[in-house]
C-alpha atoms as a PDB file:
ATOM      1  CA  MET A   1      53.472  36.534 -47.612  1.00  0.00           C
ATOM      2  CA  GLU A   2      56.237  37.110 -49.912  1.00  0.00           C
ATOM      3  CA  LEU A   3      58.959  35.408 -48.759  1.00  0.00           C
ATOM      4  CA  ARG A   4      62.124  37.539 -50.379  1.00  0.00           C
ATOM      5  CA  GLU A   5      64.242  39.148 -48.031  1.00  0.00           C
ATOM      6  CA  ARG A   6      62.147  37.524 -45.126  1.00  0.00           C
ATOM      7  CA  VAL A   7      64.060  36.352 -41.944  1.00  0.00           C
ATOM      8  CA  ALA A   8      62.826  32.812 -41.468  1.00  0.00           C
ATOM      9  CA  LEU A   9      64.756  30.633 -38.563  1.00  0.00           C
ATOM     10  CA  VAL A  10      64.196  26.614 -39.432  1.00  0.00           C
ATOM     11  CA  THR A  11      64.671  24.192 -36.951  1.00  0.00           C
ATOM     12  CA  GLY A  12      66.256  20.922 -37.308  1.00  0.00           C
ATOM     13  CA  ALA A  13      67.463  22.016 -40.517  1.00  0.00           C
ATOM     14  CA  GLY A  14      71.186  20.246 -41.042  1.00  0.00           C
ATOM     15  CA  HIS A  15      69.041  17.189 -42.044  1.00  0.00           C
ATOM     16  CA  ARG A  16      65.989  15.131 -43.643  1.00  0.00           C
ATOM     17  CA  VAL A  17      63.095  17.223 -44.170  1.00  0.00           C
ATOM     18  CA  GLY A  18      64.401  20.101 -42.391  1.00  0.00           C
ATOM     19  CA  ARG A  19      67.246  20.532 -44.671  1.00  0.00           C
ATOM     20  CA  ALA A  20      64.689  20.360 -47.490  1.00  0.00           C
ATOM     21  CA  ILE A  21      62.999  22.845 -46.138  1.00  0.00           C
ATOM     22  CA  ALA A  22      65.575  25.635 -45.539  1.00  0.00           C
ATOM     23  CA  MET A  23      66.246  25.102 -48.957  1.00  0.00           C
ATOM     24  CA  GLY A  24      63.222  25.469 -50.401  1.00  0.00           C
ATOM     25  CA  LEU A  25      62.694  28.820 -48.449  1.00  0.00           C
ATOM     26  CA  ALA A  26      65.965  30.292 -49.641  1.00  0.00           C
ATOM     27  CA  ARG A  27      65.007  29.396 -53.363  1.00  0.00           C
ATOM     28  CA  GLU A  28      61.989  31.564 -52.448  1.00  0.00           C
ATOM     29  CA  GLY A  29      64.717  34.808 -51.552  1.00  0.00           C
ATOM     30  CA  ALA A  30      64.334  34.153 -47.624  1.00  0.00           C
ATOM     31  CA  ARG A  31      67.258  34.889 -45.312  1.00  0.00           C
ATOM     32  CA  VAL A  32      67.680  31.644 -43.214  1.00  0.00           C
ATOM     33  CA  ALA A  33      68.585  30.561 -39.738  1.00  0.00           C
ATOM     34  CA  VAL A  34      69.436  27.093 -39.938  1.00  0.00           C
ATOM     35  CA  HIS A  35      69.077  25.368 -36.435  1.00  0.00           C
ATOM     36  CA  TYR A  36      71.171  22.090 -35.809  1.00  0.00           C
ATOM     37  CA  ASN A  37      72.146  20.131 -32.615  1.00  0.00           C
ATOM     38  CA  GLU A  38      73.906  17.190 -33.522  1.00  0.00           C
ATOM     39  CA  THR A  39      74.252  17.728 -37.465  1.00  0.00           C
ATOM     40  CA  ALA A  40      76.369  20.536 -37.464  1.00  0.00           C
ATOM     41  CA  ASP A  41      78.034  18.888 -40.788  1.00  0.00           C
ATOM     42  CA  GLY A  42      74.446  18.845 -42.376  1.00  0.00           C
ATOM     43  CA  ALA A  43      74.173  22.483 -41.148  1.00  0.00           C
ATOM     44  CA  ARG A  44      77.065  23.774 -42.708  1.00  0.00           C
ATOM     45  CA  SER A  45      76.064  21.769 -45.998  1.00  0.00           C
ATOM     46  CA  VAL A  46      72.803  24.014 -46.226  1.00  0.00           C
ATOM     47  CA  VAL A  47      74.312  26.945 -45.766  1.00  0.00           C
ATOM     48  CA  GLU A  48      77.086  26.533 -48.210  1.00  0.00           C
ATOM     49  CA  SER A  49      74.725  25.450 -50.708  1.00  0.00           C
ATOM     50  CA  ILE A  50      71.737  28.782 -49.957  1.00  0.00           C
ATOM     51  CA  ARG A  51      75.310  30.964 -50.406  1.00  0.00           C
ATOM     52  CA  ALA A  52      76.347  29.472 -53.358  1.00  0.00           C
ATOM     53  CA  GLN A  53      72.934  29.684 -54.860  1.00  0.00           C
ATOM     54  CA  GLY A  54      72.975  33.711 -54.213  1.00  0.00           C
ATOM     55  CA  GLY A  55      71.251  33.275 -50.812  1.00  0.00           C
ATOM     56  CA  ASP A  56      72.240  34.315 -47.130  1.00  0.00           C
ATOM     57  CA  ALA A  57      71.837  32.071 -44.458  1.00  0.00           C
ATOM     58  CA  PHE A  58      73.895  31.331 -41.565  1.00  0.00           C
ATOM     59  CA  ALA A  59      74.028  28.174 -39.246  1.00  0.00           C
ATOM     60  CA  VAL A  60      73.062  28.469 -35.266  1.00  0.00           C
ATOM     61  CA  ALA A  61      73.203  25.355 -32.791  1.00  0.00           C
ATOM     62  CA  ALA A  62      71.178  24.490 -30.183  1.00  0.00           C
ATOM     63  CA  ASP A  63      70.103  21.810 -27.806  1.00  0.00           C
ATOM     64  CA  LEU A  64      66.135  21.812 -27.326  1.00  0.00           C
ATOM     65  CA  SER A  65      65.981  19.424 -24.825  1.00  0.00           C
ATOM     66  CA  ASP A  66      67.116  22.455 -22.653  1.00  0.00           C
ATOM     67  CA  PRO A  67      63.902  24.556 -21.390  1.00  0.00           C
ATOM     68  CA  VAL A  68      65.566  27.665 -22.000  1.00  0.00           C
ATOM     69  CA  ALA A  69      67.068  26.722 -25.772  1.00  0.00           C
ATOM     70  CA  ALA A  70      64.258  27.328 -28.101  1.00  0.00           C
ATOM     71  CA  ALA A  71      63.697  31.181 -27.000  1.00  0.00           C
ATOM     72  CA  ARG A  72      67.387  31.438 -26.988  1.00  0.00           C
ATOM     73  CA  LEU A  73      67.853  30.296 -30.405  1.00  0.00           C
ATOM     74  CA  VAL A  74      65.181  32.671 -31.686  1.00  0.00           C
ATOM     75  CA  ASP A  75      67.055  35.368 -30.239  1.00  0.00           C
ATOM     76  CA  ALA A  76      70.214  34.542 -31.904  1.00  0.00           C
ATOM     77  CA  ALA A  77      68.275  34.462 -35.656  1.00  0.00           C
ATOM     78  CA  ALA A  78      66.461  37.407 -34.990  1.00  0.00           C
ATOM     79  CA  ASP A  79      69.372  39.198 -33.524  1.00  0.00           C
ATOM     80  CA  HIS A  80      71.320  38.378 -36.467  1.00  0.00           C
ATOM     81  CA  TRP A  81      69.140  40.214 -38.741  1.00  0.00           C
ATOM     82  CA  GLY A  82      67.305  42.525 -36.849  1.00  0.00           C
ATOM     83  CA  THR A  83      63.773  41.035 -36.904  1.00  0.00           C
ATOM     84  CA  LEU A  84      62.094  37.938 -37.822  1.00  0.00           C
ATOM     85  CA  ASP A  85      59.556  37.101 -40.467  1.00  0.00           C
ATOM     86  CA  VAL A  86      59.007  33.618 -39.838  1.00  0.00           C
ATOM     87  CA  LEU A  87      59.550  30.471 -38.101  1.00  0.00           C
ATOM     88  CA  VAL A  88      59.156  26.635 -39.296  1.00  0.00           C
ATOM     89  CA  ASN A  89      59.452  24.344 -36.205  1.00  0.00           C
ATOM     90  CA  SER A  90      60.843  21.085 -37.843  1.00  0.00           C
ATOM     91  CA  ALA A  91      62.949  19.590 -35.381  1.00  0.00           C
ATOM     92  CA  GLY A  92      61.689  16.425 -33.715  1.00  0.00           C
ATOM     93  CA  VAL A  93      62.586  12.900 -32.571  1.00  0.00           C
ATOM     94  CA  MET A  94      60.611   9.683 -33.862  1.00  0.00           C
ATOM     95  CA  ARG A  95      61.317   6.691 -31.246  1.00  0.00           C
ATOM     96  CA  ARG A  96      60.093   2.908 -31.090  1.00  0.00           C
ATOM     97  CA  THR A  97      58.242   2.838 -27.944  1.00  0.00           C
ATOM     98  CA  PRO A  98      56.125   0.238 -27.355  1.00  0.00           C
ATOM     99  CA  VAL A  99      53.701   0.955 -24.442  1.00  0.00           C
ATOM    100  CA  GLY A 100      55.293  -1.309 -22.132  1.00  0.00           C
ATOM    101  CA  SER A 101      58.790  -0.440 -22.509  1.00  0.00           C
ATOM    102  CA  VAL A 102      57.991   3.730 -21.800  1.00  0.00           C
ATOM    103  CA  THR A 103      60.041   4.829 -19.019  1.00  0.00           C
ATOM    104  CA  PRO A 104      59.198   8.597 -18.001  1.00  0.00           C
ATOM    105  CA  ALA A 105      63.013   9.713 -19.209  1.00  0.00           C
ATOM    106  CA  ASP A 106      61.639   8.632 -22.616  1.00  0.00           C
ATOM    107  CA  TRP A 107      58.304   9.973 -22.204  1.00  0.00           C
ATOM    108  CA  ASP A 108      59.971  13.499 -21.463  1.00  0.00           C
ATOM    109  CA  ALA A 109      62.793  13.114 -24.035  1.00  0.00           C
ATOM    110  CA  ILE A 110      59.964  13.319 -26.716  1.00  0.00           C
ATOM    111  CA  PHE A 111      57.938  15.792 -25.023  1.00  0.00           C
ATOM    112  CA  ALA A 112      60.530  18.081 -24.635  1.00  0.00           C
ATOM    113  CA  ILE A 113      61.535  18.200 -28.358  1.00  0.00           C
ATOM    114  CA  ASN A 114      58.296  17.155 -30.222  1.00  0.00           C
ATOM    115  CA  LEU A 115      55.895  20.138 -28.099  1.00  0.00           C
ATOM    116  CA  ARG A 116      57.534  21.972 -25.297  1.00  0.00           C
ATOM    117  CA  ALA A 117      60.183  23.529 -27.871  1.00  0.00           C
ATOM    118  CA  PRO A 118      57.931  24.152 -30.656  1.00  0.00           C
ATOM    119  CA  PHE A 119      55.639  26.201 -27.728  1.00  0.00           C
ATOM    120  CA  PHE A 120      58.126  28.260 -26.507  1.00  0.00           C
ATOM    121  CA  ALA A 121      60.170  28.841 -29.804  1.00  0.00           C
ATOM    122  CA  ALA A 122      56.667  30.088 -31.057  1.00  0.00           C
ATOM    123  CA  GLN A 123      56.282  32.210 -27.690  1.00  0.00           C
ATOM    124  CA  ALA A 124      59.358  33.861 -27.986  1.00  0.00           C
ATOM    125  CA  ALA A 125      59.135  34.475 -32.071  1.00  0.00           C
ATOM    126  CA  ALA A 126      55.685  36.148 -31.867  1.00  0.00           C
ATOM    127  CA  ALA A 127      57.526  38.641 -29.504  1.00  0.00           C
ATOM    128  CA  ARG A 128      60.376  39.230 -32.070  1.00  0.00           C
ATOM    129  CA  MET A 129      57.991  39.410 -35.372  1.00  0.00           C
ATOM    130  CA  GLY A 130      58.060  43.199 -36.294  1.00  0.00           C
ATOM    131  CA  VAL A 131      54.718  45.448 -36.992  1.00  0.00           C
ATOM    132  CA  ARG A 132      54.020  43.842 -40.305  1.00  0.00           C
ATOM    133  CA  GLY A 133      53.425  40.205 -38.699  1.00  0.00           C
ATOM    134  CA  GLY A 134      54.861  36.615 -39.173  1.00  0.00           C
ATOM    135  CA  ALA A 135      53.813  33.207 -39.868  1.00  0.00           C
ATOM    136  CA  ILE A 136      54.998  30.307 -38.173  1.00  0.00           C
ATOM    137  CA  VAL A 137      54.675  26.937 -39.593  1.00  0.00           C
ATOM    138  CA  ASN A 138      54.603  23.725 -36.775  1.00  0.00           C
ATOM    139  CA  ILE A 139      55.654  20.384 -38.421  1.00  0.00           C
ATOM    140  CA  ALA A 140      53.070  17.721 -36.917  1.00  0.00           C
ATOM    141  CA  ASP A 141      52.792  14.202 -38.132  1.00  0.00           C
ATOM    142  CA  LEU A 142      50.507  11.869 -39.239  1.00  0.00           C
ATOM    143  CA  ALA A 143      50.929   9.904 -36.259  1.00  0.00           C
ATOM    144  CA  GLY A 144      48.950  12.711 -34.696  1.00  0.00           C
ATOM    145  CA  LEU A 145      45.958  11.695 -36.224  1.00  0.00           C
ATOM    146  CA  GLU A 146      46.101   8.069 -35.843  1.00  0.00           C
ATOM    147  CA  THR A 147      47.087   5.604 -33.668  1.00  0.00           C
ATOM    148  CA  TRP A 148      50.139   3.956 -34.200  1.00  0.00           C
ATOM    149  CA  SER A 149      50.607   1.205 -30.993  1.00  0.00           C
ATOM    150  CA  GLU A 150      54.461   0.975 -31.293  1.00  0.00           C
ATOM    151  CA  TYR A 151      55.127   4.890 -31.164  1.00  0.00           C
ATOM    152  CA  VAL A 152      52.522   6.238 -28.705  1.00  0.00           C
ATOM    153  CA  PRO A 153      54.090   9.215 -26.860  1.00  0.00           C
ATOM    154  CA  HIS A 154      55.753  10.237 -30.357  1.00  0.00           C
ATOM    155  CA  GLY A 155      51.678  10.096 -31.744  1.00  0.00           C
ATOM    156  CA  ILE A 156      50.299  11.945 -28.565  1.00  0.00           C
ATOM    157  CA  SER A 157      53.251  14.405 -28.525  1.00  0.00           C
ATOM    158  CA  LYS A 158      52.307  15.246 -32.558  1.00  0.00           C
ATOM    159  CA  ALA A 159      48.915  15.306 -31.691  1.00  0.00           C
ATOM    160  CA  GLY A 160      49.415  18.081 -29.685  1.00  0.00           C
ATOM    161  CA  VAL A 161      51.644  20.028 -31.814  1.00  0.00           C
ATOM    162  CA  ILE A 162      48.461  20.100 -34.118  1.00  0.00           C
ATOM    163  CA  GLN A 163      46.322  21.244 -30.866  1.00  0.00           C
ATOM    164  CA  LEU A 164      49.369  23.748 -30.081  1.00  0.00           C
ATOM    165  CA  THR A 165      48.982  24.993 -33.874  1.00  0.00           C
ATOM    166  CA  ARG A 166      44.991  25.714 -33.323  1.00  0.00           C
ATOM    167  CA  ALA A 167      45.595  27.535 -29.958  1.00  0.00           C
ATOM    168  CA  LEU A 168      48.566  29.375 -31.559  1.00  0.00           C
ATOM    169  CA  ALA A 169      46.382  30.640 -34.001  1.00  0.00           C
ATOM    170  CA  HIS A 170      43.783  31.672 -32.234  1.00  0.00           C
ATOM    171  CA  ALA A 171      45.541  33.498 -29.217  1.00  0.00           C
ATOM    172  CA  MET A 172      48.320  35.298 -31.960  1.00  0.00           C
ATOM    173  CA  ALA A 173      45.816  36.506 -34.068  1.00  0.00           C
ATOM    174  CA  PRO A 174      45.779  38.640 -36.348  1.00  0.00           C
ATOM    175  CA  HIS A 175      49.454  39.892 -35.642  1.00  0.00           C
ATOM    176  CA  VAL A 176      50.658  35.908 -36.292  1.00  0.00           C
ATOM    177  CA  ARG A 177      49.579  33.259 -38.918  1.00  0.00           C
ATOM    178  CA  VAL A 178      49.962  29.559 -37.281  1.00  0.00           C
ATOM    179  CA  ASN A 179      49.425  26.451 -39.421  1.00  0.00           C
ATOM    180  CA  ALA A 180      50.794  23.338 -39.734  1.00  0.00           C
ATOM    181  CA  VAL A 181      51.827  20.225 -42.170  1.00  0.00           C
ATOM    182  CA  ALA A 182      51.449  16.674 -41.067  1.00  0.00           C
ATOM    183  CA  PRO A 183      53.512  14.604 -43.056  1.00  0.00           C
ATOM    184  CA  GLY A 184      53.009  10.648 -43.749  1.00  0.00           C
ATOM    185  CA  ALA A 185      55.885   8.369 -44.984  1.00  0.00           C
ATOM    186  CA  VAL A 186      58.180  11.051 -46.834  1.00  0.00           C
ATOM    187  CA  LEU A 187      61.255   9.934 -45.687  1.00  0.00           C
ATOM    188  CA  LEU A 188      61.390   6.487 -43.336  1.00  0.00           C
ATOM    189  CA  PRO A 189      64.023   6.176 -40.320  1.00  0.00           C
ATOM    190  CA  ALA A 190      66.824   4.797 -41.640  1.00  0.00           C
ATOM    191  CA  ALA A 191      66.455   1.097 -39.536  1.00  0.00           C
ATOM    192  CA  TRP A 192      63.392   0.558 -41.695  1.00  0.00           C
ATOM    193  CA  ASP A 193      64.213  -2.057 -44.475  1.00  0.00           C
ATOM    194  CA  GLU A 194      62.792  -2.609 -48.195  1.00  0.00           C
ATOM    195  CA  ALA A 195      59.934  -4.500 -47.165  1.00  0.00           C
ATOM    196  CA  ALA A 196      58.342  -2.367 -44.738  1.00  0.00           C
ATOM    197  CA  ALA A 197      58.796   0.759 -47.562  1.00  0.00           C
ATOM    198  CA  ALA A 198      57.204  -1.445 -50.176  1.00  0.00           C
ATOM    199  CA  HIS A 199      54.112  -2.288 -47.454  1.00  0.00           C
ATOM    200  CA  LEU A 200      54.244   1.505 -46.837  1.00  0.00           C
ATOM    201  CA  VAL A 201      53.873   1.672 -51.024  1.00  0.00           C
ATOM    202  CA  ALA A 202      51.380  -0.890 -51.142  1.00  0.00           C
ATOM    203  CA  THR A 203      48.858   0.897 -48.769  1.00  0.00           C
ATOM    204  CA  THR A 204      48.998   4.517 -49.712  1.00  0.00           C
ATOM    205  CA  PRO A 205      46.572   5.433 -52.238  1.00  0.00           C
ATOM    206  CA  LEU A 206      48.686   7.002 -54.465  1.00  0.00           C
ATOM    207  CA  ARG A 207      50.565   3.906 -54.687  1.00  0.00           C
ATOM    208  CA  ARG A 208      54.385   5.730 -53.795  1.00  0.00           C
ATOM    209  CA  LEU A 209      56.243   7.080 -50.525  1.00  0.00           C
ATOM    210  CA  GLY A 210      56.564  10.983 -50.596  1.00  0.00           C
ATOM    211  CA  THR A 211      59.512  12.791 -50.284  1.00  0.00           C
ATOM    212  CA  PRO A 212      60.800  15.868 -48.621  1.00  0.00           C
ATOM    213  CA  GLU A 213      60.033  18.330 -51.581  1.00  0.00           C
ATOM    214  CA  ASP A 214      56.079  17.299 -51.107  1.00  0.00           C
ATOM    215  CA  VAL A 215      56.711  18.532 -47.633  1.00  0.00           C
ATOM    216  CA  VAL A 216      58.313  21.764 -48.992  1.00  0.00           C
ATOM    217  CA  GLY A 217      55.268  22.679 -50.998  1.00  0.00           C
ATOM    218  CA  ALA A 218      52.672  22.670 -48.347  1.00  0.00           C
ATOM    219  CA  VAL A 219      54.691  24.748 -45.949  1.00  0.00           C
ATOM    220  CA  LEU A 220      55.529  27.447 -49.166  1.00  0.00           C
ATOM    221  CA  TYR A 221      51.516  27.669 -49.566  1.00  0.00           C
ATOM    222  CA  LEU A 222      50.950  28.152 -46.395  1.00  0.00           C
ATOM    223  CA  LEU A 223      53.312  30.819 -45.436  1.00  0.00           C
ATOM    224  CA  HIS A 224      51.826  32.749 -48.759  1.00  0.00           C
ATOM    225  CA  ALA A 225      48.161  32.174 -48.071  1.00  0.00           C
ATOM    226  CA  ASP A 226      47.646  34.978 -45.548  1.00  0.00           C
ATOM    227  CA  TYR A 227      43.958  34.150 -45.060  1.00  0.00           C
ATOM    228  CA  VAL A 228      44.915  31.001 -43.856  1.00  0.00           C
ATOM    229  CA  THR A 229      45.431  30.148 -40.044  1.00  0.00           C
ATOM    230  CA  GLY A 230      44.937  27.330 -37.767  1.00  0.00           C
ATOM    231  CA  GLU A 231      44.928  24.673 -40.346  1.00  0.00           C
ATOM    232  CA  THR A 232      46.731  21.438 -40.752  1.00  0.00           C
ATOM    233  CA  ILE A 233      47.719  20.070 -43.684  1.00  0.00           C
ATOM    234  CA  VAL A 234      47.997  16.460 -44.116  1.00  0.00           C
ATOM    235  CA  VAL A 235      50.900  15.429 -46.957  1.00  0.00           C
ATOM    236  CA  ASP A 236      50.634  11.434 -46.642  1.00  0.00           C
ATOM    237  CA  GLY A 237      49.783  10.172 -50.314  1.00  0.00           C
ATOM    238  CA  GLY A 238      46.157   9.471 -49.240  1.00  0.00           C
ATOM    239  CA  ARG A 239      46.747   7.548 -46.238  1.00  0.00           C
ATOM    240  CA  ARG A 240      44.200   8.676 -43.972  1.00  0.00           C
ATOM    241  CA  VAL A 241      41.487   7.828 -46.406  1.00  0.00           C
ATOM    242  CA  ARG A 242      42.444   4.642 -46.797  1.00  0.00           C
ATOM    243  CA  VAL A 243      40.222   1.613 -46.403  1.00  0.00           C
END
């Protein structure tokens, strides 16, 4: 897919990896709807940066824990420019939840953002993508492919994103392609210290942490690769193959 003049919605684009993805799409010439919930200042900064570089963007708020918010968000993005070509489901939550401490409220909150919202956003997006079709990229997580004992609900939700990707790729073909990116350690949680970062570096075959731009590269590949659908690209510096 050629991205110039295409319309893209990036969820969770006010900060962290979502911000980098929105900026990356704009550099490719896409018009970008920058979704945010609690990061209004960050979203405004992304929009200002895109416009300063000659691009077109606007910010749109939505609380994706609301069951109907995902579809409304997609409609807002599509209505702004009259169509929608690309959806990147980047919004997510990652909470440390040791098994013994998990509550039903924890479970529901994690799954609402990480799995329910991407499904209903994708459902709505497919209905708004024009005759030339479109593409969806879901941001999963290495936790969906490994076992992280302190993040069990998170890992299950992200494993669901990977299965969601496969299922939607089949159900939405040939009109819409659906793929995913599963990042490893590209941005650490704010609470993690230098010792935790050093441990990750030492146990990663490429001996470094990743960057948001590593994820952007994978997203752009999947958007450009018109004969790829239903796939998940792991961007983890080789952690999955370590001994």
